[in-house]
Amino acid sequence: QPFLIPASVNAIIAQRLIKRLCSCKQKISMSEIGSATLANIKNA
């Protein structure tokens, strides 16, 4: 029953593990990022 959820649930955690950059990482130029990706970031 939906009413039991807010009565009992304190918090819900969602998680993922993603790869971490090595120390050999390289800086990206703004042209490589692209305007569409920057727009997605700002929208998020």
Full PDB file with SEQRES, HELIX, SHEET, SSBOND, CRYST1, ORIGX, SCALE, CONECT and MASTER records, all heavy atoms in Angstrom:
SEQRES   1 A   44  GLN PRO PHE LEU ILE PRO ALA SER VAL ASN ALA ILE ILE          
SEQRES   2 A   44  ALA GLN ARG LEU ILE LYS ARG LEU CYS SER CYS LYS GLN          
SEQRES   3 A   44  LYS ILE SER MET SER GLU ILE GLY SER ALA THR LEU ALA          
SEQRES   4 A   44  ASN ILE LYS ASN ALA                                          
HELIX    1 AA1 LEU A    4  SER A    8  1                                   5    
HELIX    2 AA2 MET A   30  ILE A   33  1                                   4    
HELIX    3 AA3 SER A   35  ASN A   43  1                                   9    
CRYST1    1.000    1.000    1.000  90.00  90.00  90.00 P 1           1          
ORIGX1      1.000000  0.000000  0.000000        0.00000                         
ORIGX2      0.000000  1.000000  0.000000        0.00000                         
ORIGX3      0.000000  0.000000  1.000000        0.00000                         
SCALE1      1.000000  0.000000  0.000000        0.00000                         
SCALE2      0.000000  1.000000  0.000000        0.00000                         
SCALE3      0.000000  0.000000  1.000000        0.00000                         
ATOM      1  N   GLN A   1       0.830  -1.196   0.000  1.00  0.00           N  
ATOM      2  CA  GLN A   1       0.000   0.000   0.000  1.00  0.00           C  
ATOM      3  C   GLN A   1       0.874   1.258   0.000  1.00  0.00           C  
ATOM      4  O   GLN A   1       1.807   1.374   0.807  1.00  0.00           O  
ATOM      5  CB  GLN A   1      -0.913   0.013   1.230  1.00  0.00           C  
ATOM      6  CG  GLN A   1      -2.013  -1.034   1.195  1.00  0.00           C  
ATOM      7  CD  GLN A   1      -2.953  -0.838   0.022  1.00  0.00           C  
ATOM      8  OE1 GLN A   1      -3.352   0.280  -0.297  1.00  0.00           O  
ATOM      9  NE2 GLN A   1      -3.297  -1.930  -0.644  1.00  0.00           N  
ATOM     10  N   PRO A   2       0.620   2.220  -0.901  1.00  0.00           N  
ATOM     11  CA  PRO A   2       1.469   3.409  -1.015  1.00  0.00           C  
ATOM     12  C   PRO A   2       1.647   4.184   0.296  1.00  0.00           C  
ATOM     13  O   PRO A   2       2.725   4.735   0.537  1.00  0.00           O  
ATOM     14  CB  PRO A   2       0.736   4.262  -2.054  1.00  0.00           C  
ATOM     15  CG  PRO A   2      -0.001   3.275  -2.897  1.00  0.00           C  
ATOM     16  CD  PRO A   2      -0.419   2.187  -1.945  1.00  0.00           C  
ATOM     17  N   PHE A   3       0.615   4.214   1.159  1.00  0.00           N  
ATOM     18  CA  PHE A   3       0.731   5.002   2.395  1.00  0.00           C  
ATOM     19  C   PHE A   3       1.791   4.445   3.345  1.00  0.00           C  
ATOM     20  O   PHE A   3       2.297   5.161   4.220  1.00  0.00           O  
ATOM     21  CB  PHE A   3      -0.637   5.086   3.110  1.00  0.00           C  
ATOM     22  CG  PHE A   3      -1.075   3.814   3.783  1.00  0.00           C  
ATOM     23  CD1 PHE A   3      -0.689   3.530   5.093  1.00  0.00           C  
ATOM     24  CD2 PHE A   3      -1.886   2.900   3.116  1.00  0.00           C  
ATOM     25  CE1 PHE A   3      -1.108   2.363   5.721  1.00  0.00           C  
ATOM     26  CE2 PHE A   3      -2.293   1.726   3.733  1.00  0.00           C  
ATOM     27  CZ  PHE A   3      -1.902   1.452   5.032  1.00  0.00           C  
ATOM     28  N   LEU A   4       2.156   3.156   3.171  1.00  0.00           N  
ATOM     29  CA  LEU A   4       3.165   2.549   4.040  1.00  0.00           C  
ATOM     30  C   LEU A   4       4.586   3.028   3.710  1.00  0.00           C  
ATOM     31  O   LEU A   4       5.473   2.965   4.552  1.00  0.00           O  
ATOM     32  CB  LEU A   4       3.111   1.024   3.933  1.00  0.00           C  
ATOM     33  CG  LEU A   4       1.906   0.338   4.571  1.00  0.00           C  
ATOM     34  CD1 LEU A   4       1.873  -1.142   4.191  1.00  0.00           C  
ATOM     35  CD2 LEU A   4       1.944   0.497   6.092  1.00  0.00           C  
ATOM     36  N   ILE A   5       4.800   3.496   2.479  1.00  0.00           N  
ATOM     37  CA  ILE A   5       6.151   3.896   2.059  1.00  0.00           C  
ATOM     38  C   ILE A   5       6.624   5.156   2.790  1.00  0.00           C  
ATOM     39  O   ILE A   5       7.678   5.129   3.442  1.00  0.00           O  
ATOM     40  CB  ILE A   5       6.223   4.047   0.528  1.00  0.00           C  
ATOM     41  CG1 ILE A   5       5.989   2.673  -0.123  1.00  0.00           C  
ATOM     42  CG2 ILE A   5       7.578   4.619   0.092  1.00  0.00           C  
ATOM     43  CD1 ILE A   5       5.844   2.701  -1.622  1.00  0.00           C  
ATOM     44  N   PRO A   6       5.885   6.289   2.732  1.00  0.00           N  
ATOM     45  CA  PRO A   6       6.347   7.457   3.496  1.00  0.00           C  
ATOM     46  C   PRO A   6       6.323   7.226   5.003  1.00  0.00           C  
ATOM     47  O   PRO A   6       7.076   7.873   5.751  1.00  0.00           O  
ATOM     48  CB  PRO A   6       5.371   8.567   3.086  1.00  0.00           C  
ATOM     49  CG  PRO A   6       4.204   7.887   2.480  1.00  0.00           C  
ATOM     50  CD  PRO A   6       4.702   6.609   1.904  1.00  0.00           C  
ATOM     51  N   ALA A   7       5.494   6.267   5.460  1.00  0.00           N  
ATOM     52  CA  ALA A   7       5.427   5.990   6.905  1.00  0.00           C  
ATOM     53  C   ALA A   7       6.634   5.200   7.394  1.00  0.00           C  
ATOM     54  O   ALA A   7       6.961   5.243   8.583  1.00  0.00           O  
ATOM     55  CB  ALA A   7       4.145   5.222   7.219  1.00  0.00           C  
ATOM     56  N   SER A   8       7.303   4.478   6.486  1.00  0.00           N  
ATOM     57  CA  SER A   8       8.370   3.579   6.928  1.00  0.00           C  
ATOM     58  C   SER A   8       9.747   3.866   6.326  1.00  0.00           C  
ATOM     59  O   SER A   8      10.769   3.569   6.949  1.00  0.00           O  
ATOM     60  CB  SER A   8       7.990   2.131   6.605  1.00  0.00           C  
ATOM     61  OG  SER A   8       7.784   1.963   5.214  1.00  0.00           O  
ATOM     62  N   VAL A   9       9.792   4.432   5.130  1.00  0.00           N  
ATOM     63  CA  VAL A   9      11.082   4.601   4.436  1.00  0.00           C  
ATOM     64  C   VAL A   9      11.754   5.912   4.840  1.00  0.00           C  
ATOM     65  O   VAL A   9      11.173   6.987   4.706  1.00  0.00           O  
ATOM     66  CB  VAL A   9      10.888   4.543   2.902  1.00  0.00           C  
ATOM     67  CG1 VAL A   9      12.203   4.840   2.188  1.00  0.00           C  
ATOM     68  CG2 VAL A   9      10.355   3.177   2.486  1.00  0.00           C  
ATOM     69  N   ASN A  10      12.991   5.800   5.329  1.00  0.00           N  
ATOM     70  CA  ASN A  10      13.775   6.988   5.711  1.00  0.00           C  
ATOM     71  C   ASN A  10      14.500   7.601   4.521  1.00  0.00           C  
ATOM     72  O   ASN A  10      14.549   8.821   4.374  1.00  0.00           O  
ATOM     73  CB  ASN A  10      14.813   6.633   6.780  1.00  0.00           C  
ATOM     74  CG  ASN A  10      14.197   6.168   8.081  1.00  0.00           C  
ATOM     75  OD1 ASN A  10      12.973   6.249   8.254  1.00  0.00           O  
ATOM     76  ND2 ASN A  10      15.013   5.684   8.994  1.00  0.00           N  
ATOM     77  N   ALA A  11      15.100   6.753   3.702  1.00  0.00           N  
ATOM     78  CA  ALA A  11      15.857   7.236   2.542  1.00  0.00           C  
ATOM     79  C   ALA A  11      16.051   6.096   1.549  1.00  0.00           C  
ATOM     80  O   ALA A  11      16.073   4.924   1.927  1.00  0.00           O  
ATOM     81  CB  ALA A  11      17.214   7.790   2.976  1.00  0.00           C  
ATOM     82  N   ILE A  12      16.189   6.474   0.273  1.00  0.00           N  
ATOM     83  CA  ILE A  12      16.482   5.502  -0.787  1.00  0.00           C  
ATOM     84  C   ILE A  12      17.733   5.970  -1.516  1.00  0.00           C  
ATOM     85  O   ILE A  12      17.795   7.106  -1.997  1.00  0.00           O  
ATOM     86  CB  ILE A  12      15.308   5.358  -1.775  1.00  0.00           C  
ATOM     87  CG1 ILE A  12      14.033   4.921  -1.043  1.00  0.00           C  
ATOM     88  CG2 ILE A  12      15.658   4.351  -2.863  1.00  0.00           C  
ATOM     89  CD1 ILE A  12      12.778   4.974  -1.907  1.00  0.00           C  
ATOM     90  N   ILE A  13      18.714   5.084  -1.586  1.00  0.00           N  
ATOM     91  CA  ILE A  13      19.994   5.405  -2.221  1.00  0.00           C  
ATOM     92  C   ILE A  13      20.088   4.649  -3.538  1.00  0.00           C  
ATOM     93  O   ILE A  13      19.836   3.449  -3.586  1.00  0.00           O  
ATOM     94  CB  ILE A  13      21.168   4.986  -1.312  1.00  0.00           C  
ATOM     95  CG1 ILE A  13      21.044   5.629   0.073  1.00  0.00           C  
ATOM     96  CG2 ILE A  13      22.510   5.320  -1.957  1.00  0.00           C  
ATOM     97  CD1 ILE A  13      21.918   4.967   1.137  1.00  0.00           C  
ATOM     98  N   ALA A  14      20.426   5.349  -4.617  1.00  0.00           N  
ATOM     99  CA  ALA A  14      20.752   4.688  -5.886  1.00  0.00           C  
ATOM    100  C   ALA A  14      22.225   4.950  -6.163  1.00  0.00           C  
ATOM    101  O   ALA A  14      22.725   6.050  -5.896  1.00  0.00           O  
ATOM    102  CB  ALA A  14      19.892   5.233  -7.018  1.00  0.00           C  
ATOM    103  N   GLN A  15      22.921   3.957  -6.683  1.00  0.00           N  
ATOM    104  CA  GLN A  15      24.357   4.135  -6.882  1.00  0.00           C  
ATOM    105  C   GLN A  15      24.869   3.375  -8.093  1.00  0.00           C  
ATOM    106  O   GLN A  15      24.244   2.453  -8.583  1.00  0.00           O  
ATOM    107  CB  GLN A  15      25.113   3.691  -5.633  1.00  0.00           C  
ATOM    108  CG  GLN A  15      24.955   2.229  -5.268  1.00  0.00           C  
ATOM    109  CD  GLN A  15      25.641   1.905  -3.945  1.00  0.00           C  
ATOM    110  OE1 GLN A  15      25.073   2.128  -2.880  1.00  0.00           O  
ATOM    111  NE2 GLN A  15      26.857   1.386  -4.019  1.00  0.00           N  
ATOM    112  N   ARG A  16      26.021   3.830  -8.562  1.00  0.00           N  
ATOM    113  CA  ARG A  16      26.740   3.185  -9.652  1.00  0.00           C  
ATOM    114  C   ARG A  16      28.239   3.256  -9.353  1.00  0.00           C  
ATOM    115  O   ARG A  16      28.693   4.154  -8.644  1.00  0.00           O  
ATOM    116  CB  ARG A  16      26.503   3.888 -10.996  1.00  0.00           C  
ATOM    117  CG  ARG A  16      25.083   3.898 -11.482  1.00  0.00           C  
ATOM    118  CD  ARG A  16      24.609   2.527 -11.945  1.00  0.00           C  
ATOM    119  NE  ARG A  16      23.333   2.635 -12.626  1.00  0.00           N  
ATOM    120  CZ  ARG A  16      22.164   2.718 -12.017  1.00  0.00           C  
ATOM    121  NH1 ARG A  16      22.106   2.715 -10.691  1.00  0.00           N  
ATOM    122  NH2 ARG A  16      21.046   2.809 -12.715  1.00  0.00           N  
ATOM    123  N   LEU A  17      28.982   2.322  -9.925  1.00  0.00           N  
ATOM    124  CA  LEU A  17      30.436   2.390  -9.917  1.00  0.00           C  
ATOM    125  C   LEU A  17      30.895   2.692 -11.339  1.00  0.00           C  
ATOM    126  O   LEU A  17      30.527   1.974 -12.269  1.00  0.00           O  
ATOM    127  CB  LEU A  17      31.043   1.062  -9.452  1.00  0.00           C  
ATOM    128  CG  LEU A  17      31.233   0.879  -7.945  1.00  0.00           C  
ATOM    129  CD1 LEU A  17      31.640  -0.560  -7.647  1.00  0.00           C  
ATOM    130  CD2 LEU A  17      32.279   1.836  -7.393  1.00  0.00           C  
ATOM    131  N   ILE A  18      31.660   3.764 -11.513  1.00  0.00           N  
ATOM    132  CA  ILE A  18      32.187   4.079 -12.840  1.00  0.00           C  
ATOM    133  C   ILE A  18      33.703   4.178 -12.762  1.00  0.00           C  
ATOM    134  O   ILE A  18      34.280   4.341 -11.679  1.00  0.00           O  
ATOM    135  CB  ILE A  18      31.585   5.380 -13.417  1.00  0.00           C  
ATOM    136  CG1 ILE A  18      31.956   6.594 -12.555  1.00  0.00           C  
ATOM    137  CG2 ILE A  18      30.088   5.261 -13.565  1.00  0.00           C  
ATOM    138  CD1 ILE A  18      31.572   7.908 -13.206  1.00  0.00           C  
ATOM    139  N   LYS A  19      34.342   4.088 -13.911  1.00  0.00           N  
ATOM    140  CA  LYS A  19      35.800   4.052 -13.945  1.00  0.00           C  
ATOM    141  C   LYS A  19      36.404   5.409 -13.570  1.00  0.00           C  
ATOM    142  O   LYS A  19      35.898   6.454 -13.973  1.00  0.00           O  
ATOM    143  CB  LYS A  19      36.277   3.611 -15.327  1.00  0.00           C  
ATOM    144  CG  LYS A  19      36.000   2.136 -15.602  1.00  0.00           C  
ATOM    145  CD  LYS A  19      36.520   1.684 -16.933  1.00  0.00           C  
ATOM    146  CE  LYS A  19      35.651   2.168 -18.067  1.00  0.00           C  
ATOM    147  NZ  LYS A  19      36.054   1.584 -19.362  1.00  0.00           N  
ATOM    148  N   ARG A  20      37.488   5.336 -12.808  1.00  0.00           N  
ATOM    149  CA  ARG A  20      38.198   6.529 -12.350  1.00  0.00           C  
ATOM    150  C   ARG A  20      39.399   6.780 -13.259  1.00  0.00           C  
ATOM    151  O   ARG A  20      40.113   5.849 -13.637  1.00  0.00           O  
ATOM    152  CB  ARG A  20      38.667   6.318 -10.915  1.00  0.00           C  
ATOM    153  CG  ARG A  20      39.271   7.548 -10.267  1.00  0.00           C  
ATOM    154  CD  ARG A  20      39.651   7.232  -8.839  1.00  0.00           C  
ATOM    155  NE  ARG A  20      40.176   8.399  -8.160  1.00  0.00           N  
ATOM    156  CZ  ARG A  20      40.635   8.391  -6.911  1.00  0.00           C  
ATOM    157  NH1 ARG A  20      40.621   7.270  -6.212  1.00  0.00           N  
ATOM    158  NH2 ARG A  20      41.096   9.496  -6.358  1.00  0.00           N  
ATOM    159  N   LEU A  21      39.630   8.036 -13.606  1.00  0.00           N  
ATOM    160  CA  LEU A  21      40.736   8.384 -14.489  1.00  0.00           C  
ATOM    161  C   LEU A  21      42.081   8.082 -13.848  1.00  0.00           C  
ATOM    162  O   LEU A  21      42.295   8.332 -12.661  1.00  0.00           O  
ATOM    163  CB  LEU A  21      40.676   9.865 -14.855  1.00  0.00           C  
ATOM    164  CG  LEU A  21      39.601  10.275 -15.881  1.00  0.00           C  
ATOM    165  CD1 LEU A  21      39.455  11.785 -15.910  1.00  0.00           C  
ATOM    166  CD2 LEU A  21      39.929   9.745 -17.270  1.00  0.00           C  
ATOM    167  N   CYS A  22      42.979   7.535 -14.651  1.00  0.00           N  
ATOM    168  CA  CYS A  22      44.351   7.283 -14.210  1.00  0.00           C  
ATOM    169  C   CYS A  22      45.106   8.623 -14.176  1.00  0.00           C  
ATOM    170  O   CYS A  22      44.652   9.629 -14.745  1.00  0.00           O  
ATOM    171  CB  CYS A  22      45.010   6.299 -15.176  1.00  0.00           C  
ATOM    172  SG  CYS A  22      46.736   5.920 -14.795  1.00  0.00           S  
ATOM    173  N   SER A  23      46.264   8.635 -13.541  1.00  0.00           N  
ATOM    174  CA  SER A  23      47.072   9.858 -13.454  1.00  0.00           C  
ATOM    175  C   SER A  23      47.591  10.310 -14.818  1.00  0.00           C  
ATOM    176  O   SER A  23      48.054  11.445 -14.969  1.00  0.00           O  
ATOM    177  CB  SER A  23      48.247   9.645 -12.500  1.00  0.00           C  
ATOM    178  OG  SER A  23      49.020   8.526 -12.903  1.00  0.00           O  
ATOM    179  N   CYS A  24      47.460   9.449 -15.846  1.00  0.00           N  
ATOM    180  CA  CYS A  24      47.900   9.821 -17.198  1.00  0.00           C  
ATOM    181  C   CYS A  24      46.816  10.598 -17.955  1.00  0.00           C  
ATOM    182  O   CYS A  24      46.930  10.813 -19.164  1.00  0.00           O  
ATOM    183  CB  CYS A  24      48.307   8.574 -17.986  1.00  0.00           C  
ATOM    184  SG  CYS A  24      46.946   7.403 -18.299  1.00  0.00           S  
ATOM    185  N   LYS A  25      45.768  10.995 -17.272  1.00  0.00           N  
ATOM    186  CA  LYS A  25      44.645  11.702 -17.902  1.00  0.00           C  
ATOM    187  C   LYS A  25      45.109  12.940 -18.664  1.00  0.00           C  
ATOM    188  O   LYS A  25      46.102  13.577 -18.319  1.00  0.00           O  
ATOM    189  CB  LYS A  25      43.594  12.078 -16.852  1.00  0.00           C  
ATOM    190  CG  LYS A  25      44.089  12.961 -15.727  1.00  0.00           C  
ATOM    191  CD  LYS A  25      42.974  13.223 -14.727  1.00  0.00           C  
ATOM    192  CE  LYS A  25      43.433  14.078 -13.543  1.00  0.00           C  
ATOM    193  NZ  LYS A  25      44.145  13.292 -12.542  1.00  0.00           N  
ATOM    194  N   GLN A  26      44.339  13.308 -19.688  1.00  0.00           N  
ATOM    195  CA  GLN A  26      44.687  14.432 -20.550  1.00  0.00           C  
ATOM    196  C   GLN A  26      43.543  15.448 -20.587  1.00  0.00           C  
ATOM    197  O   GLN A  26      42.370  15.062 -20.649  1.00  0.00           O  
ATOM    198  CB  GLN A  26      44.978  13.947 -21.968  1.00  0.00           C  
ATOM    199  CG  GLN A  26      46.141  12.969 -22.055  1.00  0.00           C  
ATOM    200  CD  GLN A  26      46.284  12.374 -23.437  1.00  0.00           C  
ATOM    201  OE1 GLN A  26      45.450  12.580 -24.314  1.00  0.00           O  
ATOM    202  NE2 GLN A  26      47.360  11.611 -23.644  1.00  0.00           N  
ATOM    203  N   LYS A  27      43.905  16.712 -20.560  1.00  0.00           N  
ATOM    204  CA  LYS A  27      42.897  17.779 -20.581  1.00  0.00           C  
ATOM    205  C   LYS A  27      42.187  17.805 -21.940  1.00  0.00           C  
ATOM    206  O   LYS A  27      42.797  17.609 -22.979  1.00  0.00           O  
ATOM    207  CB  LYS A  27      43.568  19.117 -20.310  1.00  0.00           C  
ATOM    208  CG  LYS A  27      42.600  20.264 -20.042  1.00  0.00           C  
ATOM    209  CD  LYS A  27      43.324  21.576 -19.796  1.00  0.00           C  
ATOM    210  CE  LYS A  27      44.068  21.588 -18.496  1.00  0.00           C  
ATOM    211  NZ  LYS A  27      44.616  22.941 -18.187  1.00  0.00           N  
ATOM    212  N   ILE A  28      40.869  18.044 -21.901  1.00  0.00           N  
ATOM    213  CA  ILE A  28      40.074  18.115 -23.128  1.00  0.00           C  
ATOM    214  C   ILE A  28      39.890  19.578 -23.524  1.00  0.00           C  
ATOM    215  O   ILE A  28      39.619  20.431 -22.668  1.00  0.00           O  
ATOM    216  CB  ILE A  28      38.675  17.501 -22.939  1.00  0.00           C  
ATOM    217  CG1 ILE A  28      38.751  16.104 -22.348  1.00  0.00           C  
ATOM    218  CG2 ILE A  28      37.909  17.464 -24.241  1.00  0.00           C  
ATOM    219  CD1 ILE A  28      37.401  15.483 -22.088  1.00  0.00           C  
ATOM    220  N   SER A  29      39.997  19.847 -24.796  1.00  0.00           N  
ATOM    221  CA  SER A  29      39.720  21.201 -25.281  1.00  0.00           C  
ATOM    222  C   SER A  29      38.211  21.415 -25.343  1.00  0.00           C  
ATOM    223  O   SER A  29      37.433  20.457 -25.412  1.00  0.00           O  
ATOM    224  CB  SER A  29      40.326  21.399 -26.669  1.00  0.00           C  
ATOM    225  OG  SER A  29      39.687  20.538 -27.606  1.00  0.00           O  
ATOM    226  N   MET A  30      37.784  22.657 -25.319  1.00  0.00           N  
ATOM    227  CA  MET A  30      36.351  22.967 -25.357  1.00  0.00           C  
ATOM    228  C   MET A  30      35.706  22.458 -26.641  1.00  0.00           C  
ATOM    229  O   MET A  30      34.547  22.039 -26.641  1.00  0.00           O  
ATOM    230  CB  MET A  30      36.148  24.482 -25.238  1.00  0.00           C  
ATOM    231  CG  MET A  30      36.527  25.047 -23.863  1.00  0.00           C  
ATOM    232  SD  MET A  30      35.613  24.262 -22.520  1.00  0.00           S  
ATOM    233  CE  MET A  30      33.966  24.828 -22.869  1.00  0.00           C  
ATOM    234  N   SER A  31      36.470  22.467 -27.744  1.00  0.00           N  
ATOM    235  CA  SER A  31      35.908  21.978 -29.011  1.00  0.00           C  
ATOM    236  C   SER A  31      35.626  20.471 -28.952  1.00  0.00           C  
ATOM    237  O   SER A  31      34.686  19.986 -29.573  1.00  0.00           O  
ATOM    238  CB  SER A  31      36.866  22.287 -30.161  1.00  0.00           C  
ATOM    239  OG  SER A  31      38.124  21.658 -29.948  1.00  0.00           O  
ATOM    240  N   GLU A  32      36.450  19.732 -28.174  1.00  0.00           N  
ATOM    241  CA  GLU A  32      36.241  18.290 -28.024  1.00  0.00           C  
ATOM    242  C   GLU A  32      34.986  17.992 -27.213  1.00  0.00           C  
ATOM    243  O   GLU A  32      34.301  16.997 -27.445  1.00  0.00           O  
ATOM    244  CB  GLU A  32      37.445  17.642 -27.338  1.00  0.00           C  
ATOM    245  CG  GLU A  32      38.654  17.442 -28.221  1.00  0.00           C  
ATOM    246  CD  GLU A  32      39.778  16.732 -27.485  1.00  0.00           C  
ATOM    247  OE1 GLU A  32      40.579  17.422 -26.824  1.00  0.00           O  
ATOM    248  OE2 GLU A  32      39.837  15.490 -27.560  1.00  0.00           O  
ATOM    249  N   ILE A  33      34.713  18.841 -26.224  1.00  0.00           N  
ATOM    250  CA  ILE A  33      33.523  18.627 -25.382  1.00  0.00           C  
ATOM    251  C   ILE A  33      32.259  18.807 -26.215  1.00  0.00           C  
ATOM    252  O   ILE A  33      31.331  17.998 -26.145  1.00  0.00           O  
ATOM    253  CB  ILE A  33      33.518  19.608 -24.185  1.00  0.00           C  
ATOM    254  CG1 ILE A  33      34.718  19.344 -23.278  1.00  0.00           C  
ATOM    255  CG2 ILE A  33      32.218  19.475 -23.382  1.00  0.00           C  
ATOM    256  CD1 ILE A  33      34.922  20.378 -22.204  1.00  0.00           C  
ATOM    257  N   GLY A  34      32.218  19.876 -26.988  1.00  0.00           N  
ATOM    258  CA  GLY A  34      31.070  20.106 -27.865  1.00  0.00           C  
ATOM    259  C   GLY A  34      29.961  20.887 -27.177  1.00  0.00           C  
ATOM    260  O   GLY A  34      29.741  20.754 -25.965  1.00  0.00           O  
ATOM    261  N   SER A  35      29.267  21.688 -27.957  1.00  0.00           N  
ATOM    262  CA  SER A  35      28.211  22.548 -27.402  1.00  0.00           C  
ATOM    263  C   SER A  35      27.026  21.733 -26.895  1.00  0.00           C  
ATOM    264  O   SER A  35      26.367  22.105 -25.921  1.00  0.00           O  
ATOM    265  CB  SER A  35      27.746  23.554 -28.461  1.00  0.00           C  
ATOM    266  OG  SER A  35      27.314  22.869 -29.622  1.00  0.00           O  
ATOM    267  N   ALA A  36      26.736  20.600 -27.551  1.00  0.00           N  
ATOM    268  CA  ALA A  36      25.593  19.769 -27.140  1.00  0.00           C  
ATOM    269  C   ALA A  36      25.819  19.187 -25.749  1.00  0.00           C  
ATOM    270  O   ALA A  36      24.902  19.176 -24.907  1.00  0.00           O  
ATOM    271  CB  ALA A  36      25.372  18.648 -28.149  1.00  0.00           C  
ATOM    272  N   THR A  37      27.047  18.702 -25.484  1.00  0.00           N  
ATOM    273  CA  THR A  37      27.357  18.132 -24.165  1.00  0.00           C  
ATOM    274  C   THR A  37      27.301  19.207 -23.088  1.00  0.00           C  
ATOM    275  O   THR A  37      26.766  18.980 -21.995  1.00  0.00           O  
ATOM    276  CB  THR A  37      28.753  17.476 -24.178  1.00  0.00           C  
ATOM    277  OG1 THR A  37      28.777  16.456 -25.176  1.00  0.00           O  
ATOM    278  CG2 THR A  37      29.074  16.855 -22.821  1.00  0.00           C  
ATOM    279  N   LEU A  38      27.849  20.393 -23.390  1.00  0.00           N  
ATOM    280  CA  LEU A  38      27.794  21.489 -22.416  1.00  0.00           C  
ATOM    281  C   LEU A  38      26.353  21.897 -22.126  1.00  0.00           C  
ATOM    282  O   LEU A  38      26.004  22.205 -20.984  1.00  0.00           O  
ATOM    283  CB  LEU A  38      28.581  22.699 -22.937  1.00  0.00           C  
ATOM    284  CG  LEU A  38      30.103  22.654 -22.749  1.00  0.00           C  
ATOM    285  CD1 LEU A  38      30.762  23.844 -23.427  1.00  0.00           C  
ATOM    286  CD2 LEU A  38      30.478  22.628 -21.262  1.00  0.00           C  
ATOM    287  N   ALA A  39      25.510  21.864 -23.153  1.00  0.00           N  
ATOM    288  CA  ALA A  39      24.088  22.182 -22.965  1.00  0.00           C  
ATOM    289  C   ALA A  39      23.429  21.137 -22.065  1.00  0.00           C  
ATOM    290  O   ALA A  39      22.619  21.484 -21.182  1.00  0.00           O  
ATOM    291  CB  ALA A  39      23.383  22.250 -24.314  1.00  0.00           C  
ATOM    292  N   ASN A  40      23.769  19.853 -22.255  1.00  0.00           N  
ATOM    293  CA  ASN A  40      23.236  18.783 -21.403  1.00  0.00           C  
ATOM    294  C   ASN A  40      23.638  18.990 -19.949  1.00  0.00           C  
ATOM    295  O   ASN A  40      22.838  18.780 -19.025  1.00  0.00           O  
ATOM    296  CB  ASN A  40      23.746  17.415 -21.870  1.00  0.00           C  
ATOM    297  CG  ASN A  40      23.057  16.936 -23.132  1.00  0.00           C  
ATOM    298  OD1 ASN A  40      21.951  17.374 -23.438  1.00  0.00           O  
ATOM    299  ND2 ASN A  40      23.703  16.045 -23.866  1.00  0.00           N  
ATOM    300  N   ILE A  41      24.890  19.385 -19.740  1.00  0.00           N  
ATOM    301  CA  ILE A  41      25.397  19.609 -18.382  1.00  0.00           C  
ATOM    302  C   ILE A  41      24.615  20.740 -17.716  1.00  0.00           C  
ATOM    303  O   ILE A  41      24.158  20.616 -16.579  1.00  0.00           O  
ATOM    304  CB  ILE A  41      26.907  19.941 -18.422  1.00  0.00           C  
ATOM    305  CG1 ILE A  41      27.713  18.697 -18.842  1.00  0.00           C  
ATOM    306  CG2 ILE A  41      27.391  20.453 -17.069  1.00  0.00           C  
ATOM    307  CD1 ILE A  41      29.163  18.983 -19.162  1.00  0.00           C  
ATOM    308  N   LYS A  42      24.454  21.854 -18.438  1.00  0.00           N  
ATOM    309  CA  LYS A  42      23.746  23.007 -17.870  1.00  0.00           C  
ATOM    310  C   LYS A  42      22.269  22.684 -17.609  1.00  0.00           C  
ATOM    311  O   LYS A  42      21.705  23.099 -16.596  1.00  0.00           O  
ATOM    312  CB  LYS A  42      23.885  24.209 -18.804  1.00  0.00           C  
ATOM    313  CG  LYS A  42      25.307  24.763 -18.835  1.00  0.00           C  
ATOM    314  CD  LYS A  42      25.481  25.878 -19.858  1.00  0.00           C  
ATOM    315  CE  LYS A  42      26.921  26.380 -19.865  1.00  0.00           C  
ATOM    316  NZ  LYS A  42      27.148  27.433 -20.879  1.00  0.00           N  
ATOM    317  N   ASN A  43      21.652  21.924 -18.508  1.00  0.00           N  
ATOM    318  CA  ASN A  43      20.253  21.522 -18.312  1.00  0.00           C  
ATOM    319  C   ASN A  43      20.101  20.639 -17.080  1.00  0.00           C  
ATOM    320  O   ASN A  43      19.135  20.777 -16.317  1.00  0.00           O  
ATOM    321  CB  ASN A  43      19.732  20.774 -19.543  1.00  0.00           C  
ATOM    322  CG  ASN A  43      19.528  21.687 -20.733  1.00  0.00           C  
ATOM    323  OD1 ASN A  43      19.381  22.905 -20.568  1.00  0.00           O  
ATOM    324  ND2 ASN A  43      19.527  21.123 -21.932  1.00  0.00           N  
ATOM    325  N   ALA A  44      21.061  19.735 -16.875  1.00  0.00           N  
ATOM    326  CA  ALA A  44      21.017  18.831 -15.715  1.00  0.00           C  
ATOM    327  C   ALA A  44      21.116  19.614 -14.418  1.00  0.00           C  
ATOM    328  O   ALA A  44      20.404  19.333 -13.445  1.00  0.00           O  
ATOM    329  CB  ALA A  44      22.142  17.809 -15.795  1.00  0.00           C  
TER     330      ALA A  44                                                      
MASTER        0    0    0    3    0    0    0    6  329    1    0    4          
END                                                                             
